[in-house]
């Protein structure tokens, strides 16, 4: 089972910014398609942004396009999600996931069946 440590969440006002980090502890992320998933209260996690392991291609859900940016630092075995212009509907727990089986970034963000870690809570509220 792939294990991650997600950090960087917190309480932020609408319009604010946060940077989430996801570090893999037991494997090298360099060979994996990676993604960030958002779980709002009472809902299943949904992919918001995913990134290829090969060509750097990215996918963003319409709800975050233009506001969130995914990046990766393979040397640090870490994936980031830079979140800007945050909205109350961005509130929830954010998880990361990785797959060597899925290479297409949109497919990664639409995939289900991942095992989730502890995630990091983001609360957007005034």
Foldseek 3Di string as FASTA:
>chain_A
DWDWDKDWADEAAQQAKIKIKIATDPDQQLLWWKFKWFDDPPGDTFTAKIAASPPGDMDGDPVQPPFWDWDDDRVRRMIMIIGGSDDQVSWGFMWMDIDNVDGDRVCVRHDDDDDTDPGHTHGHHD
